[in-house]
Amino acid sequence: MDHFTFADMKKIKRENLGDVVPLELFRTIRLIGLYQALPMNGKSTTLTIGRKIGEELGVTSVNELFELFENMKIGIPTIVREEEKGMTVAVHDCFCEGLPVMEGKMVCDLEGAIMEGALTKIRGKRVSVREVKCNVHGDEYCEYEVRY
């Protein structure tokens, strides 16, 4: 075996600490480790990582993807608008909710890239996802424009 799969990530044998990691740790890795430590706020890194994760999730429909987002506590996605060439997805209860507002900042590019990788795999052709709203930016929820 030369690489891990999403199925491998589900194999958890932590007898004492279990399968839950605090949101503070995830936020620290994302926003201090990647966002602050890497050039361009780590954007190219999080996009590459997110797309790969999305491709590996093994979901076969938008509904499955949204259920997985909620089950993994990424957030609660809902389709706000849908048309032939794409859709708009709102994500409520995102990991960034409750963080201080920093105007002009959008920090949920990893989540969008995960969605992009999964949707590209589901559709069998390139999908583009762009974050257009973020709690950290002062918006009520995070939102993504999806283009087929």
N, C-alpha and C. Protein backbone atom coordinates (compact mmCIF):
# COMPACT_ATOMS: atom_id res chain seq x y z
N MET A 1 0.85 -1.19 0.00
CA MET A 1 0.00 0.00 0.00
C MET A 1 0.89 1.24 0.00
N ASP A 2 0.66 2.11 -0.97
CA ASP A 2 1.50 3.31 -1.05
C ASP A 2 0.73 4.60 -0.78
N HIS A 3 -0.60 4.48 -0.52
CA HIS A 3 -1.36 5.68 -0.17
C HIS A 3 -2.59 5.29 0.66
N PHE A 4 -3.14 6.26 1.36
CA PHE A 4 -4.32 6.04 2.18
C PHE A 4 -5.57 6.33 1.36
N THR A 5 -6.68 5.71 1.74
CA THR A 5 -7.97 5.97 1.11
C THR A 5 -8.92 6.52 2.16
N PHE A 6 -10.06 7.02 1.71
CA PHE A 6 -11.06 7.50 2.65
C PHE A 6 -11.56 6.35 3.53
N ALA A 7 -11.66 5.17 2.97
CA ALA A 7 -12.07 3.99 3.74
C ALA A 7 -11.08 3.73 4.88
N ASP A 8 -9.78 3.96 4.64
CA ASP A 8 -8.78 3.79 5.69
C ASP A 8 -9.01 4.76 6.84
N MET A 9 -9.49 5.96 6.53
CA MET A 9 -9.70 6.98 7.56
C MET A 9 -10.79 6.57 8.55
N LYS A 10 -11.67 5.67 8.13
CA LYS A 10 -12.77 5.22 8.99
C LYS A 10 -12.33 4.13 9.96
N LYS A 11 -11.12 3.62 9.80
CA LYS A 11 -10.60 2.55 10.66
C LYS A 11 -9.98 3.18 11.90
N ILE A 12 -10.77 3.33 12.92
CA ILE A 12 -10.33 4.02 14.14
C ILE A 12 -10.34 3.04 15.30
N LYS A 13 -9.20 2.94 15.98
CA LYS A 13 -9.08 2.01 17.11
C LYS A 13 -8.54 2.72 18.35
N ARG A 14 -8.96 3.92 18.57
CA ARG A 14 -8.53 4.67 19.75
C ARG A 14 -9.44 4.30 20.91
N GLU A 15 -8.95 3.46 21.78
CA GLU A 15 -9.79 2.96 22.88
C GLU A 15 -10.14 4.02 23.91
N ASN A 16 -9.26 4.94 24.15
CA ASN A 16 -9.51 5.93 25.21
C ASN A 16 -10.09 7.24 24.70
N LEU A 17 -9.59 7.73 23.59
CA LEU A 17 -10.00 9.05 23.12
C LEU A 17 -11.09 9.01 22.06
N GLY A 18 -11.37 7.86 21.48
CA GLY A 18 -12.48 7.73 20.54
C GLY A 18 -12.22 8.36 19.19
N ASP A 19 -13.31 8.66 18.47
CA ASP A 19 -13.21 9.10 17.08
C ASP A 19 -13.49 10.58 16.87
N VAL A 20 -13.50 11.36 17.93
CA VAL A 20 -13.83 12.79 17.82
C VAL A 20 -12.59 13.63 18.13
N VAL A 21 -12.36 14.62 17.30
CA VAL A 21 -11.28 15.57 17.50
C VAL A 21 -11.92 16.94 17.66
N PRO A 22 -11.48 17.75 18.61
CA PRO A 22 -12.10 19.06 18.83
C PRO A 22 -12.02 19.99 17.62
N LEU A 23 -13.06 20.78 17.44
CA LEU A 23 -13.10 21.77 16.36
C LEU A 23 -11.93 22.74 16.48
N GLU A 24 -11.50 23.04 17.70
CA GLU A 24 -10.37 23.95 17.90
C GLU A 24 -9.11 23.44 17.20
N LEU A 25 -8.89 22.11 17.23
CA LEU A 25 -7.71 21.55 16.58
C LEU A 25 -7.82 21.71 15.06
N PHE A 26 -8.98 21.39 14.51
CA PHE A 26 -9.19 21.54 13.08
C PHE A 26 -9.00 23.00 12.66
N ARG A 27 -9.59 23.92 13.42
CA ARG A 27 -9.44 25.34 13.10
C ARG A 27 -7.98 25.77 13.17
N THR A 28 -7.25 25.26 14.16
CA THR A 28 -5.84 25.62 14.33
C THR A 28 -5.01 25.13 13.14
N ILE A 29 -5.24 23.88 12.72
CA ILE A 29 -4.52 23.36 11.56
C ILE A 29 -4.84 24.19 10.33
N ARG A 30 -6.12 24.44 10.11
CA ARG A 30 -6.56 25.17 8.91
C ARG A 30 -6.14 26.62 8.90
N LEU A 31 -6.45 27.35 9.98
CA LEU A 31 -6.33 28.81 9.93
C LEU A 31 -4.99 29.34 10.44
N ILE A 32 -4.32 28.61 11.30
CA ILE A 32 -2.98 29.03 11.72
C ILE A 32 -1.93 28.27 10.93
N GLY A 33 -2.05 26.95 10.89
CA GLY A 33 -1.07 26.14 10.19
C GLY A 33 -1.03 26.35 8.69
N LEU A 34 -2.18 26.34 8.04
CA LEU A 34 -2.21 26.50 6.57
C LEU A 34 -2.41 27.95 6.15
N TYR A 35 -3.49 28.57 6.66
CA TYR A 35 -3.88 29.90 6.21
C TYR A 35 -2.81 30.95 6.51
N GLN A 36 -2.24 30.92 7.71
CA GLN A 36 -1.27 31.93 8.10
C GLN A 36 0.17 31.56 7.76
N ALA A 37 0.47 30.26 7.68
CA ALA A 37 1.87 29.86 7.52
C ALA A 37 2.31 29.71 6.07
N LEU A 38 1.36 29.49 5.16
CA LEU A 38 1.73 29.25 3.77
C LEU A 38 1.52 30.49 2.91
N PRO A 39 2.28 30.61 1.81
CA PRO A 39 2.07 31.74 0.89
C PRO A 39 0.64 31.76 0.35
N MET A 40 0.13 32.93 0.07
CA MET A 40 -1.23 33.12 -0.47
C MET A 40 -2.29 32.47 0.42
N ASN A 41 -2.05 32.50 1.73
CA ASN A 41 -2.98 31.92 2.71
C ASN A 41 -3.22 30.43 2.46
N GLY A 42 -2.25 29.77 1.86
CA GLY A 42 -2.34 28.33 1.64
C GLY A 42 -3.35 27.92 0.59
N LYS A 43 -3.85 28.90 -0.19
CA LYS A 43 -4.96 28.63 -1.11
C LYS A 43 -4.67 27.51 -2.09
N SER A 44 -3.51 27.51 -2.75
CA SER A 44 -3.24 26.45 -3.72
C SER A 44 -3.13 25.09 -3.03
N THR A 45 -2.60 25.08 -1.81
CA THR A 45 -2.48 23.83 -1.05
C THR A 45 -3.86 23.31 -0.65
N THR A 46 -4.71 24.18 -0.10
CA THR A 46 -6.02 23.71 0.34
C THR A 46 -6.88 23.29 -0.86
N LEU A 47 -6.74 23.95 -2.00
CA LEU A 47 -7.49 23.55 -3.18
C LEU A 47 -7.06 22.16 -3.65
N THR A 48 -5.76 21.93 -3.70
CA THR A 48 -5.25 20.62 -4.12
C THR A 48 -5.68 19.53 -3.15
N ILE A 49 -5.53 19.79 -1.86
CA ILE A 49 -5.91 18.82 -0.83
C ILE A 49 -7.42 18.55 -0.89
N GLY A 50 -8.21 19.61 -0.94
CA GLY A 50 -9.66 19.47 -0.94
C GLY A 50 -10.18 18.69 -2.14
N ARG A 51 -9.66 19.00 -3.31
CA ARG A 51 -10.10 18.28 -4.51
C ARG A 51 -9.79 16.79 -4.39
N LYS A 52 -8.61 16.46 -3.90
CA LYS A 52 -8.22 15.05 -3.74
C LYS A 52 -9.13 14.36 -2.73
N ILE A 53 -9.40 15.01 -1.62
CA ILE A 53 -10.31 14.45 -0.62
C ILE A 53 -11.68 14.20 -1.25
N GLY A 54 -12.20 15.19 -1.95
CA GLY A 54 -13.51 15.06 -2.59
C GLY A 54 -13.59 13.89 -3.54
N GLU A 55 -12.52 13.70 -4.33
CA GLU A 55 -12.48 12.58 -5.28
C GLU A 55 -12.51 11.23 -4.57
N GLU A 56 -11.94 11.17 -3.37
CA GLU A 56 -11.80 9.91 -2.63
C GLU A 56 -12.99 9.56 -1.75
N LEU A 57 -13.97 10.45 -1.63
CA LEU A 57 -15.07 10.21 -0.70
C LEU A 57 -15.96 9.04 -1.08
N GLY A 58 -16.02 8.72 -2.35
CA GLY A 58 -16.83 7.58 -2.78
C GLY A 58 -18.32 7.86 -2.87
N VAL A 59 -18.70 9.13 -2.88
CA VAL A 59 -20.12 9.47 -2.99
C VAL A 59 -20.53 9.41 -4.46
N THR A 60 -21.81 9.10 -4.70
CA THR A 60 -22.27 8.95 -6.08
C THR A 60 -23.41 9.91 -6.44
N SER A 61 -23.78 10.78 -5.50
CA SER A 61 -24.85 11.75 -5.78
C SER A 61 -24.64 12.99 -4.92
N VAL A 62 -25.30 14.06 -5.30
CA VAL A 62 -25.25 15.30 -4.53
C VAL A 62 -25.83 15.06 -3.14
N ASN A 63 -26.93 14.33 -3.07
CA ASN A 63 -27.54 14.04 -1.77
C ASN A 63 -26.58 13.29 -0.86
N GLU A 64 -25.88 12.30 -1.40
CA GLU A 64 -24.89 11.56 -0.61
C GLU A 64 -23.78 12.49 -0.12
N LEU A 65 -23.31 13.37 -1.00
CA LEU A 65 -22.26 14.32 -0.64
C LEU A 65 -22.74 15.22 0.49
N PHE A 66 -23.96 15.75 0.38
CA PHE A 66 -24.48 16.64 1.40
C PHE A 66 -24.68 15.90 2.73
N GLU A 67 -25.14 14.66 2.68
CA GLU A 67 -25.28 13.85 3.90
C GLU A 67 -23.93 13.64 4.56
N LEU A 68 -22.90 13.36 3.75
CA LEU A 68 -21.56 13.16 4.28
C LEU A 68 -21.03 14.45 4.91
N PHE A 69 -21.25 15.59 4.27
CA PHE A 69 -20.85 16.88 4.84
C PHE A 69 -21.45 17.04 6.24
N GLU A 70 -22.73 16.72 6.36
CA GLU A 70 -23.40 16.88 7.65
C GLU A 70 -22.92 15.84 8.65
N ASN A 71 -22.80 14.59 8.24
CA ASN A 71 -22.37 13.52 9.14
C ASN A 71 -20.95 13.74 9.64
N MET A 72 -20.09 14.31 8.80
CA MET A 72 -18.71 14.59 9.21
C MET A 72 -18.58 15.94 9.90
N LYS A 73 -19.72 16.61 10.08
CA LYS A 73 -19.79 17.89 10.76
C LYS A 73 -18.99 18.99 10.05
N ILE A 74 -18.92 18.89 8.72
CA ILE A 74 -18.31 19.95 7.92
C ILE A 74 -19.26 21.14 7.89
N GLY A 75 -20.54 20.86 7.81
CA GLY A 75 -21.58 21.88 7.77
C GLY A 75 -22.85 21.26 7.22
N ILE A 76 -23.90 22.07 7.14
CA ILE A 76 -25.19 21.60 6.64
C ILE A 76 -25.46 22.30 5.30
N PRO A 77 -25.17 21.60 4.19
CA PRO A 77 -25.35 22.21 2.88
C PRO A 77 -26.79 22.09 2.37
N THR A 78 -27.24 23.14 1.70
CA THR A 78 -28.55 23.12 1.03
C THR A 78 -28.40 23.86 -0.30
N ILE A 79 -29.16 23.40 -1.27
CA ILE A 79 -29.15 24.07 -2.57
C ILE A 79 -30.08 25.27 -2.50
N VAL A 80 -29.53 26.45 -2.76
CA VAL A 80 -30.28 27.70 -2.74
C VAL A 80 -30.90 27.97 -4.10
N ARG A 81 -30.15 27.66 -5.15
CA ARG A 81 -30.58 27.90 -6.52
C ARG A 81 -29.97 26.81 -7.38
N GLU A 82 -30.75 26.31 -8.33
CA GLU A 82 -30.23 25.29 -9.24
C GLU A 82 -30.70 25.59 -10.65
N GLU A 83 -29.77 25.47 -11.60
CA GLU A 83 -30.09 25.67 -13.00
C GLU A 83 -29.24 24.72 -13.84
N GLU A 84 -29.42 24.76 -15.12
CA GLU A 84 -28.74 23.83 -16.02
C GLU A 84 -27.22 23.89 -15.91
N LYS A 85 -26.67 25.09 -15.75
CA LYS A 85 -25.21 25.26 -15.77
C LYS A 85 -24.57 25.28 -14.39
N GLY A 86 -25.36 25.06 -13.33
CA GLY A 86 -24.77 25.05 -12.01
C GLY A 86 -25.78 25.22 -10.91
N MET A 87 -25.27 25.50 -9.73
CA MET A 87 -26.13 25.70 -8.56
C MET A 87 -25.40 26.57 -7.54
N THR A 88 -26.17 27.08 -6.60
CA THR A 88 -25.62 27.81 -5.47
C THR A 88 -25.91 26.99 -4.23
N VAL A 89 -24.88 26.75 -3.43
CA VAL A 89 -25.01 25.93 -2.23
C VAL A 89 -24.68 26.76 -1.00
N ALA A 90 -25.61 26.82 -0.06
CA ALA A 90 -25.37 27.46 1.23
C ALA A 90 -24.94 26.39 2.21
N VAL A 91 -23.96 26.71 3.05
CA VAL A 91 -23.52 25.78 4.09
C VAL A 91 -23.70 26.49 5.43
N HIS A 92 -24.66 25.99 6.19
CA HIS A 92 -24.93 26.52 7.52
C HIS A 92 -24.15 25.72 8.56
N ASP A 93 -23.89 26.32 9.69
CA ASP A 93 -23.18 25.67 10.79
C ASP A 93 -21.79 25.21 10.37
N CYS A 94 -21.15 26.01 9.53
CA CYS A 94 -19.81 25.72 9.02
C CYS A 94 -18.78 25.80 10.16
N PHE A 95 -17.61 25.20 9.95
CA PHE A 95 -16.56 25.19 10.98
C PHE A 95 -16.16 26.60 11.40
N CYS A 96 -16.34 27.58 10.52
CA CYS A 96 -15.87 28.93 10.82
C CYS A 96 -16.89 29.78 11.57
N GLU A 97 -18.10 29.26 11.73
CA GLU A 97 -19.14 30.04 12.42
C GLU A 97 -18.71 30.32 13.86
N GLY A 98 -18.81 31.57 14.24
CA GLY A 98 -18.42 31.98 15.58
C GLY A 98 -17.04 32.61 15.66
N LEU A 99 -16.25 32.47 14.61
CA LEU A 99 -14.93 33.12 14.59
C LEU A 99 -15.11 34.63 14.41
N PRO A 100 -14.11 35.40 14.80
CA PRO A 100 -14.21 36.85 14.61
C PRO A 100 -14.38 37.22 13.13
N VAL A 101 -15.17 38.25 12.88
CA VAL A 101 -15.37 38.74 11.51
C VAL A 101 -14.12 39.49 11.07
N MET A 102 -13.66 39.17 9.88
CA MET A 102 -12.52 39.85 9.25
C MET A 102 -12.95 40.21 7.84
N GLU A 103 -13.38 41.45 7.66
CA GLU A 103 -13.90 41.86 6.35
C GLU A 103 -12.89 41.54 5.25
N GLY A 104 -13.42 41.06 4.15
CA GLY A 104 -12.59 40.72 3.00
C GLY A 104 -11.99 39.33 3.05
N LYS A 105 -12.18 38.61 4.15
CA LYS A 105 -11.60 37.27 4.29
C LYS A 105 -12.64 36.19 4.01
N MET A 106 -12.24 35.20 3.23
CA MET A 106 -13.03 34.00 2.97
C MET A 106 -12.10 32.84 3.32
N VAL A 107 -12.48 31.99 4.26
CA VAL A 107 -11.55 30.97 4.76
C VAL A 107 -12.00 29.53 4.51
N CYS A 108 -13.09 29.34 3.79
CA CYS A 108 -13.64 27.99 3.62
C CYS A 108 -13.37 27.41 2.24
N ASP A 109 -12.19 27.72 1.69
CA ASP A 109 -11.85 27.20 0.37
C ASP A 109 -11.63 25.69 0.38
N LEU A 110 -11.19 25.11 1.49
CA LEU A 110 -11.01 23.66 1.56
C LEU A 110 -12.35 22.94 1.40
N GLU A 111 -13.36 23.44 2.07
CA GLU A 111 -14.69 22.82 1.99
C GLU A 111 -15.24 22.91 0.56
N GLY A 112 -15.03 24.06 -0.07
CA GLY A 112 -15.45 24.22 -1.46
C GLY A 112 -14.68 23.28 -2.39
N ALA A 113 -13.40 23.11 -2.14
CA ALA A 113 -12.58 22.22 -2.97
C ALA A 113 -12.98 20.76 -2.77
N ILE A 114 -13.35 20.39 -1.55
CA ILE A 114 -13.86 19.03 -1.31
C ILE A 114 -15.12 18.81 -2.15
N MET A 115 -16.02 19.79 -2.11
CA MET A 115 -17.24 19.72 -2.90
C MET A 115 -16.90 19.62 -4.38
N GLU A 116 -15.94 20.42 -4.84
CA GLU A 116 -15.54 20.43 -6.25
C GLU A 116 -15.01 19.06 -6.68
N GLY A 117 -14.13 18.47 -5.89
CA GLY A 117 -13.58 17.16 -6.22
C GLY A 117 -14.65 16.09 -6.28
N ALA A 118 -15.56 16.10 -5.31
CA ALA A 118 -16.64 15.10 -5.27
C ALA A 118 -17.60 15.29 -6.44
N LEU A 119 -17.99 16.52 -6.72
CA LEU A 119 -18.93 16.77 -7.82
C LEU A 119 -18.31 16.46 -9.18
N THR A 120 -17.02 16.73 -9.34
CA THR A 120 -16.33 16.38 -10.58
C THR A 120 -16.36 14.86 -10.78
N LYS A 121 -16.11 14.14 -9.72
CA LYS A 121 -16.14 12.67 -9.79
C LYS A 121 -17.56 12.16 -10.09
N ILE A 122 -18.55 12.73 -9.42
CA ILE A 122 -19.95 12.33 -9.61
C ILE A 122 -20.38 12.58 -11.05
N ARG A 123 -20.07 13.75 -11.57
CA ARG A 123 -20.53 14.15 -12.92
C ARG A 123 -19.65 13.59 -14.04
N GLY A 124 -18.43 13.19 -13.72
CA GLY A 124 -17.54 12.65 -14.74
C GLY A 124 -16.92 13.70 -15.63
N LYS A 125 -17.06 14.95 -15.26
CA LYS A 125 -16.41 16.06 -15.97
C LYS A 125 -16.18 17.21 -15.00
N ARG A 126 -15.28 18.08 -15.37
CA ARG A 126 -14.82 19.17 -14.51
C ARG A 126 -15.95 20.05 -14.01
N VAL A 127 -15.95 20.26 -12.70
CA VAL A 127 -16.88 21.16 -12.03
C VAL A 127 -16.03 22.22 -11.32
N SER A 128 -16.50 23.44 -11.29
CA SER A 128 -15.80 24.52 -10.61
C SER A 128 -16.64 25.01 -9.44
N VAL A 129 -16.01 25.17 -8.27
CA VAL A 129 -16.70 25.65 -7.07
C VAL A 129 -15.94 26.85 -6.52
N ARG A 130 -16.66 27.93 -6.25
CA ARG A 130 -16.04 29.15 -5.73
C ARG A 130 -16.81 29.65 -4.52
N GLU A 131 -16.09 29.93 -3.44
CA GLU A 131 -16.72 30.48 -2.23
C GLU A 131 -17.08 31.94 -2.49
N VAL A 132 -18.34 32.31 -2.24
CA VAL A 132 -18.78 33.68 -2.47
C VAL A 132 -19.27 34.37 -1.20
N LYS A 133 -19.55 33.58 -0.16
CA LYS A 133 -19.93 34.14 1.15
C LYS A 133 -19.24 33.32 2.23
N CYS A 134 -18.95 33.97 3.36
CA CYS A 134 -18.28 33.28 4.47
C CYS A 134 -18.67 33.96 5.78
N ASN A 135 -18.87 33.16 6.81
CA ASN A 135 -19.15 33.70 8.15
C ASN A 135 -18.06 34.67 8.58
N VAL A 136 -16.79 34.32 8.30
CA VAL A 136 -15.67 35.17 8.71
C VAL A 136 -15.72 36.52 7.98
N HIS A 137 -16.29 36.54 6.80
CA HIS A 137 -16.44 37.78 6.03
C HIS A 137 -17.57 38.64 6.60
N GLY A 138 -18.38 38.05 7.49
CA GLY A 138 -19.51 38.77 8.07
C GLY A 138 -20.84 38.31 7.51
N ASP A 139 -20.82 37.30 6.64
CA ASP A 139 -22.06 36.79 6.05
C ASP A 139 -22.77 35.87 7.04
N GLU A 140 -24.06 35.68 6.82
CA GLU A 140 -24.89 34.86 7.70
C GLU A 140 -24.53 33.37 7.61
N TYR A 141 -24.00 32.96 6.47
CA TYR A 141 -23.61 31.56 6.24
C TYR A 141 -22.57 31.56 5.12
N CYS A 142 -21.95 30.39 4.91
CA CYS A 142 -21.00 30.25 3.81
C CYS A 142 -21.78 29.83 2.57
N GLU A 143 -21.32 30.27 1.41
CA GLU A 143 -22.04 29.97 0.18
C GLU A 143 -21.06 29.75 -0.96
N TYR A 144 -21.42 28.84 -1.85
CA TYR A 144 -20.56 28.46 -2.96
C TYR A 144 -21.34 28.51 -4.27
N GLU A 145 -20.68 29.03 -5.31
CA GLU A 145 -21.21 28.98 -6.67
C GLU A 145 -20.58 27.78 -7.34
N VAL A 146 -21.42 26.88 -7.81
CA VAL A 146 -20.98 25.67 -8.50
C VAL A 146 -21.29 25.82 -9.98
N ARG A 147 -20.30 25.61 -10.82
CA ARG A 147 -20.47 25.71 -12.28
C ARG A 147 -20.11 24.38 -12.90
N TYR A 148 -21.02 23.88 -13.74
CA TYR A 148 -20.79 22.61 -14.46
C TYR A 148 -20.08 22.88 -15.77
